[in-house]
């Protein structure tokens, strides 16, 4: 009978130790994982960039977590049906890593100064929507990565074909 009690205590202690070890491991992963956020605002430096004959409207994707966000992709939808993979500014790619406490910019829209046309800056070959003149474009931006939760942001672009200065983001 004493031998049975010995094995029961050993098994119970071993099981409790294994469960406790797993809980500590999961808690540590939750504390260290990347935390992605999206900023698409006129007042943020870098969200509106003028280059030669274009104005780029960019989303600032930040990682405030304690580890690198890997394989981060930014997706855009304007009507809830078509999803576009967006380009990282300066990288020419739709996937990037974002180290802890840093950020990257992603091109969302490009406004041409010559023909006053606005278009989505996507790597996709899918047909992109044509925007009417003088409208508001409501879109949703998603930032997702292999090792973090997905961030979502509703964005608004007020588009004026008469003047690029009257086109703004919020």
N, C-alpha and C. Protein backbone atom coordinates (compact mmCIF):
# COMPACT_ATOMS: atom_id res chain seq x y z
N UNK A 1 0.81 -1.19 0.00
CA UNK A 1 0.00 0.00 0.00
C UNK A 1 0.86 1.25 0.00
N UNK A 2 1.98 1.20 0.75
CA UNK A 2 2.86 2.35 0.77
C UNK A 2 3.48 2.60 -0.60
N UNK A 3 3.76 1.55 -1.34
CA UNK A 3 4.33 1.69 -2.68
C UNK A 3 3.34 2.39 -3.61
N UNK A 4 2.06 2.10 -3.48
CA UNK A 4 1.02 2.72 -4.30
C UNK A 4 0.94 4.21 -3.99
N UNK A 5 1.02 4.56 -2.72
CA UNK A 5 0.99 5.95 -2.29
C UNK A 5 2.21 6.70 -2.82
N UNK A 6 3.35 6.02 -2.80
CA UNK A 6 4.57 6.63 -3.33
C UNK A 6 4.42 6.97 -4.82
N UNK A 7 3.93 6.03 -5.60
CA UNK A 7 3.77 6.26 -7.05
C UNK A 7 2.69 7.30 -7.33
N UNK A 8 1.63 7.34 -6.57
CA UNK A 8 0.57 8.33 -6.76
C UNK A 8 1.12 9.73 -6.49
N UNK A 9 1.90 9.87 -5.42
CA UNK A 9 2.50 11.17 -5.12
C UNK A 9 3.50 11.60 -6.17
N UNK A 10 4.28 10.65 -6.66
CA UNK A 10 5.26 10.94 -7.70
C UNK A 10 4.57 11.39 -8.98
N UNK A 11 3.55 10.68 -9.38
CA UNK A 11 2.82 11.02 -10.61
C UNK A 11 2.12 12.39 -10.47
N UNK A 12 1.51 12.64 -9.34
CA UNK A 12 0.83 13.91 -9.12
C UNK A 12 1.82 15.07 -9.14
N UNK A 13 2.94 14.90 -8.47
CA UNK A 13 3.97 15.95 -8.44
C UNK A 13 4.57 16.19 -9.82
N UNK A 14 4.81 15.11 -10.57
CA UNK A 14 5.35 15.24 -11.92
C UNK A 14 4.38 15.95 -12.85
N UNK A 15 3.12 15.59 -12.74
CA UNK A 15 2.09 16.22 -13.58
C UNK A 15 1.94 17.71 -13.22
N UNK A 16 1.92 18.02 -11.95
CA UNK A 16 1.81 19.42 -11.53
C UNK A 16 3.01 20.23 -11.99
N UNK A 17 4.19 19.66 -11.91
CA UNK A 17 5.40 20.35 -12.38
C UNK A 17 5.37 20.60 -13.88
N UNK A 18 4.89 19.63 -14.65
CA UNK A 18 4.80 19.79 -16.10
C UNK A 18 3.80 20.89 -16.47
N UNK A 19 2.64 20.89 -15.82
CA UNK A 19 1.63 21.92 -16.09
C UNK A 19 2.16 23.30 -15.70
N UNK A 20 2.79 23.40 -14.56
CA UNK A 20 3.35 24.68 -14.12
C UNK A 20 4.43 25.18 -15.10
N UNK A 21 5.27 24.29 -15.57
CA UNK A 21 6.31 24.66 -16.54
C UNK A 21 5.71 25.16 -17.84
N UNK A 22 4.65 24.52 -18.31
CA UNK A 22 3.99 24.96 -19.54
C UNK A 22 3.34 26.32 -19.36
N UNK A 23 2.72 26.56 -18.22
CA UNK A 23 2.10 27.85 -17.95
C UNK A 23 3.13 28.97 -17.94
N UNK A 24 4.27 28.74 -17.35
CA UNK A 24 5.34 29.74 -17.34
C UNK A 24 5.82 30.02 -18.75
N UNK A 25 5.94 28.98 -19.56
CA UNK A 25 6.40 29.15 -20.94
C UNK A 25 5.40 29.97 -21.76
N UNK A 26 4.12 29.68 -21.63
CA UNK A 26 3.09 30.42 -22.36
C UNK A 26 3.05 31.87 -21.88
N UNK A 27 3.11 32.10 -20.59
CA UNK A 27 3.10 33.46 -20.05
C UNK A 27 4.31 34.25 -20.56
N UNK A 28 5.47 33.63 -20.59
CA UNK A 28 6.67 34.30 -21.11
C UNK A 28 6.54 34.65 -22.58
N UNK A 29 5.94 33.77 -23.37
CA UNK A 29 5.73 34.05 -24.80
C UNK A 29 4.77 35.24 -24.97
N UNK A 30 3.71 35.27 -24.17
CA UNK A 30 2.76 36.39 -24.26
C UNK A 30 3.42 37.72 -23.90
N UNK A 31 4.35 37.71 -22.98
CA UNK A 31 5.03 38.95 -22.58
C UNK A 31 6.05 39.41 -23.62
N UNK A 32 6.64 38.49 -24.37
CA UNK A 32 7.70 38.83 -25.32
C UNK A 32 7.21 39.03 -26.75
N UNK A 33 6.01 38.65 -27.08
CA UNK A 33 5.58 38.65 -28.48
C UNK A 33 5.46 40.07 -29.04
N UNK A 34 5.56 40.21 -30.36
CA UNK A 34 5.43 41.53 -30.99
C UNK A 34 4.00 42.06 -30.86
N UNK A 35 3.87 43.37 -30.84
CA UNK A 35 2.57 44.03 -30.80
C UNK A 35 2.55 45.08 -31.93
N UNK A 36 1.77 44.80 -32.95
CA UNK A 36 1.73 45.66 -34.15
C UNK A 36 0.60 46.67 -34.02
N UNK A 37 0.88 47.91 -34.44
CA UNK A 37 -0.16 48.94 -34.50
C UNK A 37 -0.03 49.71 -35.81
N UNK A 38 -1.12 50.36 -36.21
CA UNK A 38 -1.18 51.09 -37.48
C UNK A 38 -1.51 52.55 -37.20
N UNK A 39 -0.76 53.45 -37.85
CA UNK A 39 -1.05 54.88 -37.78
C UNK A 39 -1.16 55.41 -39.22
N UNK A 40 -2.25 56.04 -39.54
CA UNK A 40 -2.47 56.62 -40.87
C UNK A 40 -3.11 57.98 -40.62
N UNK A 41 -2.25 58.99 -40.41
CA UNK A 41 -2.71 60.29 -39.94
C UNK A 41 -1.87 61.38 -40.57
N UNK A 42 -2.51 62.44 -40.97
CA UNK A 42 -1.85 63.57 -41.62
C UNK A 42 -0.79 64.21 -40.72
N UNK A 43 -1.02 64.19 -39.40
CA UNK A 43 -0.09 64.86 -38.49
C UNK A 43 1.16 64.03 -38.19
N UNK A 44 1.18 62.77 -38.57
CA UNK A 44 2.34 61.92 -38.34
C UNK A 44 3.36 62.11 -39.46
N UNK A 45 4.59 62.46 -39.08
CA UNK A 45 5.64 62.67 -40.07
C UNK A 45 5.88 61.36 -40.82
N UNK A 46 5.88 61.43 -42.14
CA UNK A 46 6.13 60.27 -42.97
C UNK A 46 4.88 59.65 -43.57
N UNK A 47 3.70 60.02 -43.07
CA UNK A 47 2.46 59.45 -43.62
C UNK A 47 2.06 60.13 -44.93
N UNK A 48 2.54 61.33 -45.18
CA UNK A 48 2.30 62.03 -46.45
C UNK A 48 3.65 62.48 -46.97
N UNK A 49 4.07 61.92 -48.10
CA UNK A 49 5.39 62.21 -48.66
C UNK A 49 5.24 62.65 -50.10
N UNK A 50 5.85 63.79 -50.44
CA UNK A 50 5.82 64.27 -51.82
C UNK A 50 7.16 63.99 -52.48
N UNK A 51 7.11 63.29 -53.61
CA UNK A 51 8.29 62.95 -54.40
C UNK A 51 8.00 63.25 -55.85
N UNK A 52 8.82 64.09 -56.45
CA UNK A 52 8.70 64.45 -57.86
C UNK A 52 7.25 64.75 -58.23
N UNK A 53 6.64 63.94 -59.09
CA UNK A 53 5.28 64.24 -59.54
C UNK A 53 4.20 63.47 -58.78
N UNK A 54 4.54 62.87 -57.63
CA UNK A 54 3.58 62.09 -56.87
C UNK A 54 3.55 62.49 -55.41
N UNK A 55 2.39 62.29 -54.79
CA UNK A 55 2.24 62.36 -53.35
C UNK A 55 1.85 60.97 -52.88
N UNK A 56 2.64 60.43 -51.95
CA UNK A 56 2.37 59.10 -51.40
C UNK A 56 1.71 59.24 -50.04
N UNK A 57 0.67 58.47 -49.83
CA UNK A 57 0.01 58.40 -48.53
C UNK A 57 0.38 57.04 -47.94
N UNK A 58 1.04 57.08 -46.79
CA UNK A 58 1.63 55.88 -46.21
C UNK A 58 1.10 55.60 -44.82
N UNK A 59 1.04 54.33 -44.49
CA UNK A 59 0.67 53.90 -43.14
C UNK A 59 1.95 53.60 -42.37
N UNK A 60 1.99 54.04 -41.14
CA UNK A 60 3.13 53.75 -40.26
C UNK A 60 2.77 52.51 -39.45
N UNK A 61 3.53 51.44 -39.65
CA UNK A 61 3.30 50.17 -38.96
C UNK A 61 4.37 50.05 -37.88
N UNK A 62 3.96 50.04 -36.63
CA UNK A 62 4.89 50.02 -35.50
C UNK A 62 4.83 48.68 -34.76
N UNK A 63 5.96 48.30 -34.19
CA UNK A 63 6.04 47.12 -33.33
C UNK A 63 6.48 47.60 -31.95
N UNK A 64 5.57 47.58 -31.00
CA UNK A 64 5.88 48.02 -29.63
C UNK A 64 6.14 46.83 -28.71
N UNK A 65 6.17 45.64 -29.27
CA UNK A 65 6.43 44.43 -28.47
C UNK A 65 7.90 44.28 -28.15
N UNK A 66 8.22 43.16 -27.50
CA UNK A 66 9.60 42.92 -27.04
C UNK A 66 10.40 42.02 -27.96
N UNK A 67 9.83 41.61 -29.10
CA UNK A 67 10.57 40.80 -30.06
C UNK A 67 10.22 41.23 -31.49
N UNK A 68 10.97 40.76 -32.44
CA UNK A 68 10.80 41.15 -33.85
C UNK A 68 9.53 40.52 -34.42
N UNK A 69 8.74 41.33 -35.11
CA UNK A 69 7.58 40.83 -35.84
C UNK A 69 8.08 40.33 -37.19
N UNK A 70 7.86 39.06 -37.49
CA UNK A 70 8.40 38.47 -38.72
C UNK A 70 7.31 38.32 -39.77
N UNK A 71 7.74 38.44 -41.03
CA UNK A 71 6.85 38.28 -42.19
C UNK A 71 5.60 39.15 -42.07
N UNK A 72 5.79 40.43 -41.78
CA UNK A 72 4.67 41.36 -41.65
C UNK A 72 4.15 41.72 -43.03
N UNK A 73 2.85 41.61 -43.21
CA UNK A 73 2.19 42.01 -44.44
C UNK A 73 1.12 43.02 -44.11
N UNK A 74 0.91 43.97 -45.03
CA UNK A 74 -0.14 44.96 -44.88
C UNK A 74 -1.15 44.73 -45.99
N UNK A 75 -2.41 44.62 -45.61
CA UNK A 75 -3.49 44.36 -46.55
C UNK A 75 -4.47 45.52 -46.52
N UNK A 76 -5.10 45.80 -47.67
CA UNK A 76 -6.05 46.90 -47.78
C UNK A 76 -7.31 46.39 -48.44
N UNK A 77 -8.46 46.80 -47.94
CA UNK A 77 -9.72 46.54 -48.61
C UNK A 77 -10.52 47.83 -48.64
N UNK A 78 -11.13 48.11 -49.78
CA UNK A 78 -11.93 49.33 -49.91
C UNK A 78 -13.42 49.06 -49.87
N UNK A 79 -13.83 47.89 -50.32
CA UNK A 79 -15.26 47.59 -50.35
C UNK A 79 -15.60 46.28 -49.65
N UNK A 80 -14.64 45.71 -48.98
CA UNK A 80 -14.87 44.48 -48.25
C UNK A 80 -14.76 43.21 -49.07
N UNK A 81 -14.56 43.33 -50.37
CA UNK A 81 -14.49 42.12 -51.18
C UNK A 81 -13.08 41.87 -51.71
N UNK A 82 -12.47 42.85 -52.33
CA UNK A 82 -11.13 42.70 -52.89
C UNK A 82 -10.10 43.09 -51.84
N UNK A 83 -9.07 42.25 -51.67
CA UNK A 83 -8.00 42.52 -50.71
C UNK A 83 -6.71 42.70 -51.49
N UNK A 84 -5.98 43.77 -51.18
CA UNK A 84 -4.73 44.08 -51.87
C UNK A 84 -3.55 43.93 -50.92
N UNK A 85 -2.47 43.29 -51.36
CA UNK A 85 -1.21 43.26 -50.62
C UNK A 85 -0.47 44.54 -50.94
N UNK A 86 -0.10 45.27 -49.91
CA UNK A 86 0.52 46.58 -50.10
C UNK A 86 2.04 46.47 -50.09
N UNK A 87 2.70 47.47 -50.71
CA UNK A 87 4.17 47.52 -50.80
C UNK A 87 4.76 48.27 -49.60
N UNK A 88 5.89 47.77 -49.13
CA UNK A 88 6.64 48.50 -48.11
C UNK A 88 7.42 49.61 -48.80
N UNK A 89 7.38 50.81 -48.25
CA UNK A 89 8.08 51.95 -48.84
C UNK A 89 9.58 51.69 -48.83
N UNK A 90 10.18 51.83 -49.99
CA UNK A 90 11.62 51.68 -50.11
C UNK A 90 12.12 50.24 -50.20
N UNK A 91 11.24 49.26 -50.07
CA UNK A 91 11.68 47.87 -50.10
C UNK A 91 11.31 47.15 -51.40
N UNK A 92 10.21 47.55 -52.02
CA UNK A 92 9.76 46.86 -53.21
C UNK A 92 9.27 45.46 -52.92
N UNK A 93 8.79 45.23 -51.72
CA UNK A 93 8.33 43.91 -51.30
C UNK A 93 7.03 44.07 -50.52
N UNK A 94 6.26 43.00 -50.44
CA UNK A 94 5.03 43.07 -49.65
C UNK A 94 5.16 42.37 -48.29
N UNK A 95 6.39 41.96 -47.96
CA UNK A 95 6.64 41.30 -46.67
C UNK A 95 7.93 41.85 -46.06
N UNK A 96 7.92 42.10 -44.76
CA UNK A 96 9.10 42.63 -44.08
C UNK A 96 9.07 42.24 -42.61
N UNK A 97 10.20 42.34 -41.96
CA UNK A 97 10.29 42.16 -40.51
C UNK A 97 10.42 43.52 -39.86
N UNK A 98 9.83 43.66 -38.68
CA UNK A 98 9.90 44.92 -37.94
C UNK A 98 10.46 44.60 -36.56
N UNK A 99 11.69 45.04 -36.27
CA UNK A 99 12.28 44.79 -34.95
C UNK A 99 11.51 45.48 -33.83
N UNK A 100 11.78 45.08 -32.62
CA UNK A 100 11.14 45.64 -31.44
C UNK A 100 11.36 47.15 -31.35
N UNK A 101 10.33 47.88 -30.96
CA UNK A 101 10.36 49.33 -30.76
C UNK A 101 10.80 50.11 -32.00
N UNK A 102 10.44 49.64 -33.18
CA UNK A 102 10.72 50.35 -34.42
C UNK A 102 9.46 50.35 -35.28
N UNK A 103 9.59 50.93 -36.47
CA UNK A 103 8.44 51.03 -37.38
C UNK A 103 8.93 51.04 -38.82
N UNK A 104 8.01 50.79 -39.72
CA UNK A 104 8.24 50.91 -41.16
C UNK A 104 7.01 51.57 -41.76
N UNK A 105 7.22 52.19 -42.93
CA UNK A 105 6.11 52.80 -43.66
C UNK A 105 5.71 51.91 -44.82
N UNK A 106 4.43 51.89 -45.09
CA UNK A 106 3.87 51.09 -46.18
C UNK A 106 3.06 52.02 -47.09
N UNK A 107 3.33 51.98 -48.39
CA UNK A 107 2.58 52.81 -49.35
C UNK A 107 1.15 52.31 -49.45
N UNK A 108 0.19 53.23 -49.32
CA UNK A 108 -1.23 52.88 -49.44
C UNK A 108 -1.81 53.49 -50.72
N UNK A 109 -1.71 54.81 -50.86
CA UNK A 109 -2.23 55.50 -52.05
C UNK A 109 -1.13 56.32 -52.70
N UNK A 110 -1.26 56.55 -54.02
CA UNK A 110 -0.35 57.43 -54.73
C UNK A 110 -1.19 58.38 -55.57
N UNK A 111 -0.95 59.67 -55.36
CA UNK A 111 -1.66 60.72 -56.10
C UNK A 111 -0.72 61.32 -57.12
N UNK A 112 -1.11 61.29 -58.39
CA UNK A 112 -0.31 61.86 -59.46
C UNK A 112 -0.59 63.35 -59.55
N UNK A 113 0.47 64.17 -59.61
CA UNK A 113 0.29 65.62 -59.73
C UNK A 113 -0.03 66.03 -61.15
N UNK A 114 0.33 65.21 -62.13
CA UNK A 114 0.11 65.58 -63.53
C UNK A 114 -1.34 65.36 -63.96
N UNK A 115 -1.91 64.18 -63.69
CA UNK A 115 -3.28 63.93 -64.13
C UNK A 115 -4.28 63.89 -62.97
N UNK A 116 -3.84 64.22 -61.76
CA UNK A 116 -4.68 64.29 -60.55
C UNK A 116 -5.43 62.98 -60.28
N UNK A 117 -4.81 61.87 -60.65
CA UNK A 117 -5.43 60.58 -60.45
C UNK A 117 -4.86 59.92 -59.20
N UNK A 118 -5.73 59.31 -58.43
CA UNK A 118 -5.26 58.61 -57.23
C UNK A 118 -5.43 57.11 -57.46
N UNK A 119 -4.45 56.34 -56.99
CA UNK A 119 -4.54 54.89 -57.16
C UNK A 119 -3.98 54.19 -55.93
N UNK A 120 -4.37 52.94 -55.78
CA UNK A 120 -3.87 52.10 -54.69
C UNK A 120 -2.50 51.60 -55.10
N UNK A 121 -1.53 51.68 -54.18
CA UNK A 121 -0.16 51.21 -54.43
C UNK A 121 -0.04 49.76 -54.00
N UNK A 122 -0.41 48.87 -54.88
CA UNK A 122 -0.45 47.45 -54.56
C UNK A 122 0.43 46.65 -55.49
N UNK A 123 0.91 45.51 -55.00
CA UNK A 123 1.67 44.59 -55.85
C UNK A 123 0.74 43.70 -56.66
N UNK A 124 -0.52 43.71 -56.33
CA UNK A 124 -1.49 42.83 -56.96
C UNK A 124 -1.73 43.24 -58.42
N UNK A 125 -1.94 42.23 -59.25
CA UNK A 125 -2.30 42.49 -60.64
C UNK A 125 -3.81 42.62 -60.80
N UNK A 126 -4.54 42.51 -59.71
CA UNK A 126 -5.99 42.60 -59.78
C UNK A 126 -6.40 44.01 -60.21
N UNK A 127 -7.57 44.10 -60.80
CA UNK A 127 -8.08 45.40 -61.23
C UNK A 127 -8.31 46.27 -60.00
N UNK A 128 -7.73 47.44 -60.03
CA UNK A 128 -7.84 48.34 -58.89
C UNK A 128 -9.04 49.26 -59.10
N UNK A 129 -9.69 49.67 -58.03
CA UNK A 129 -10.88 50.52 -58.19
C UNK A 129 -10.52 51.89 -58.75
N UNK A 130 -11.43 52.43 -59.53
CA UNK A 130 -11.28 53.80 -60.03
C UNK A 130 -12.11 54.69 -59.13
N UNK A 131 -11.48 55.74 -58.64
CA UNK A 131 -12.16 56.61 -57.69
C UNK A 131 -12.72 57.82 -58.41
N UNK A 132 -13.96 58.17 -58.06
CA UNK A 132 -14.59 59.36 -58.64
C UNK A 132 -13.90 60.60 -58.09
N UNK A 133 -14.07 61.69 -58.79
CA UNK A 133 -13.44 62.95 -58.37
C UNK A 133 -14.20 63.56 -57.20
N UNK A 134 -13.45 64.08 -56.26
CA UNK A 134 -14.02 64.79 -55.13
C UNK A 134 -14.81 63.90 -54.19
N UNK A 135 -14.23 62.79 -53.75
CA UNK A 135 -14.95 61.88 -52.87
C UNK A 135 -14.14 61.56 -51.63
N UNK A 136 -14.77 60.85 -50.74
CA UNK A 136 -14.09 60.28 -49.59
C UNK A 136 -13.95 58.78 -49.83
N UNK A 137 -12.76 58.26 -49.58
CA UNK A 137 -12.51 56.83 -49.74
C UNK A 137 -12.35 56.25 -48.34
N UNK A 138 -13.22 55.32 -48.00
CA UNK A 138 -13.14 54.64 -46.71
C UNK A 138 -12.53 53.27 -46.97
N UNK A 139 -11.46 52.96 -46.27
CA UNK A 139 -10.76 51.69 -46.43
C UNK A 139 -10.44 51.10 -45.07
N UNK A 140 -10.05 49.85 -45.09
CA UNK A 140 -9.58 49.18 -43.89
C UNK A 140 -8.19 48.63 -44.17
N UNK A 141 -7.26 48.92 -43.24
CA UNK A 141 -5.89 48.43 -43.35
C UNK A 141 -5.70 47.37 -42.27
N UNK A 142 -5.12 46.25 -42.68
CA UNK A 142 -4.79 45.17 -41.76
C UNK A 142 -3.28 44.95 -41.80
N UNK A 143 -2.66 44.81 -40.64
CA UNK A 143 -1.24 44.46 -40.56
C UNK A 143 -1.17 43.14 -39.80
N UNK A 144 -0.56 42.16 -40.44
CA UNK A 144 -0.50 40.83 -39.85
C UNK A 144 0.90 40.28 -39.97
N UNK A 145 1.27 39.40 -39.07
CA UNK A 145 2.58 38.78 -39.13
C UNK A 145 2.47 37.34 -38.65
N UNK A 146 3.55 36.61 -38.82
CA UNK A 146 3.57 35.20 -38.44
C UNK A 146 3.46 35.02 -36.92
N UNK A 147 3.98 35.98 -36.14
CA UNK A 147 4.07 35.76 -34.70
C UNK A 147 3.40 36.84 -33.85
N UNK A 148 2.39 37.52 -34.41
CA UNK A 148 1.65 38.50 -33.60
C UNK A 148 0.19 38.50 -34.02
N UNK A 149 -0.62 39.20 -33.25
CA UNK A 149 -2.02 39.32 -33.61
C UNK A 149 -2.18 40.36 -34.72
N UNK A 150 -3.27 40.32 -35.43
CA UNK A 150 -3.53 41.23 -36.55
C UNK A 150 -4.05 42.56 -36.01
N UNK A 151 -3.51 43.66 -36.56
CA UNK A 151 -4.00 45.00 -36.23
C UNK A 151 -4.91 45.47 -37.36
N UNK A 152 -5.94 46.23 -37.02
CA UNK A 152 -6.90 46.72 -38.02
C UNK A 152 -7.15 48.19 -37.79
N UNK A 153 -7.27 48.96 -38.89
CA UNK A 153 -7.54 50.39 -38.77
C UNK A 153 -8.45 50.83 -39.90
N UNK A 154 -9.48 51.58 -39.56
CA UNK A 154 -10.35 52.20 -40.55
C UNK A 154 -9.72 53.53 -40.93
N UNK A 155 -9.57 53.77 -42.22
CA UNK A 155 -8.93 55.01 -42.68
C UNK A 155 -9.84 55.72 -43.68
N UNK A 156 -9.65 57.04 -43.73
CA UNK A 156 -10.45 57.87 -44.64
C UNK A 156 -9.51 58.77 -45.42
N UNK A 157 -9.69 58.81 -46.72
CA UNK A 157 -8.93 59.71 -47.57
C UNK A 157 -9.92 60.59 -48.30
N UNK A 158 -9.82 61.90 -48.11
CA UNK A 158 -10.66 62.85 -48.84
C UNK A 158 -9.89 63.30 -50.07
N UNK A 159 -10.45 63.02 -51.22
CA UNK A 159 -9.75 63.19 -52.49
C UNK A 159 -10.32 64.35 -53.28
N UNK A 160 -9.45 65.29 -53.65
CA UNK A 160 -9.84 66.41 -54.49
C UNK A 160 -8.95 66.44 -55.73
N UNK A 161 -9.53 66.23 -56.92
CA UNK A 161 -8.71 66.23 -58.13
C UNK A 161 -8.21 67.61 -58.52
N UNK A 162 -8.79 68.67 -57.97
CA UNK A 162 -8.41 70.02 -58.35
C UNK A 162 -7.09 70.45 -57.74
N UNK A 163 -6.80 69.96 -56.54
CA UNK A 163 -5.58 70.37 -55.86
C UNK A 163 -5.08 69.23 -54.97
N UNK A 164 -3.83 68.81 -55.15
CA UNK A 164 -3.28 67.78 -54.26
C UNK A 164 -3.24 68.22 -52.80
N UNK A 165 -3.16 69.51 -52.57
CA UNK A 165 -3.13 70.01 -51.19
C UNK A 165 -4.47 69.82 -50.48
N UNK A 166 -5.55 69.69 -51.26
CA UNK A 166 -6.86 69.47 -50.67
C UNK A 166 -7.18 67.99 -50.49
N UNK A 167 -6.22 67.14 -50.77
CA UNK A 167 -6.39 65.71 -50.54
C UNK A 167 -5.69 65.38 -49.23
N UNK A 168 -6.44 64.81 -48.28
CA UNK A 168 -5.85 64.56 -46.98
C UNK A 168 -6.35 63.23 -46.42
N UNK A 169 -5.63 62.76 -45.40
CA UNK A 169 -5.95 61.49 -44.76
C UNK A 169 -6.33 61.71 -43.31
N UNK A 170 -7.12 60.78 -42.79
CA UNK A 170 -7.51 60.84 -41.38
C UNK A 170 -7.77 59.43 -40.87
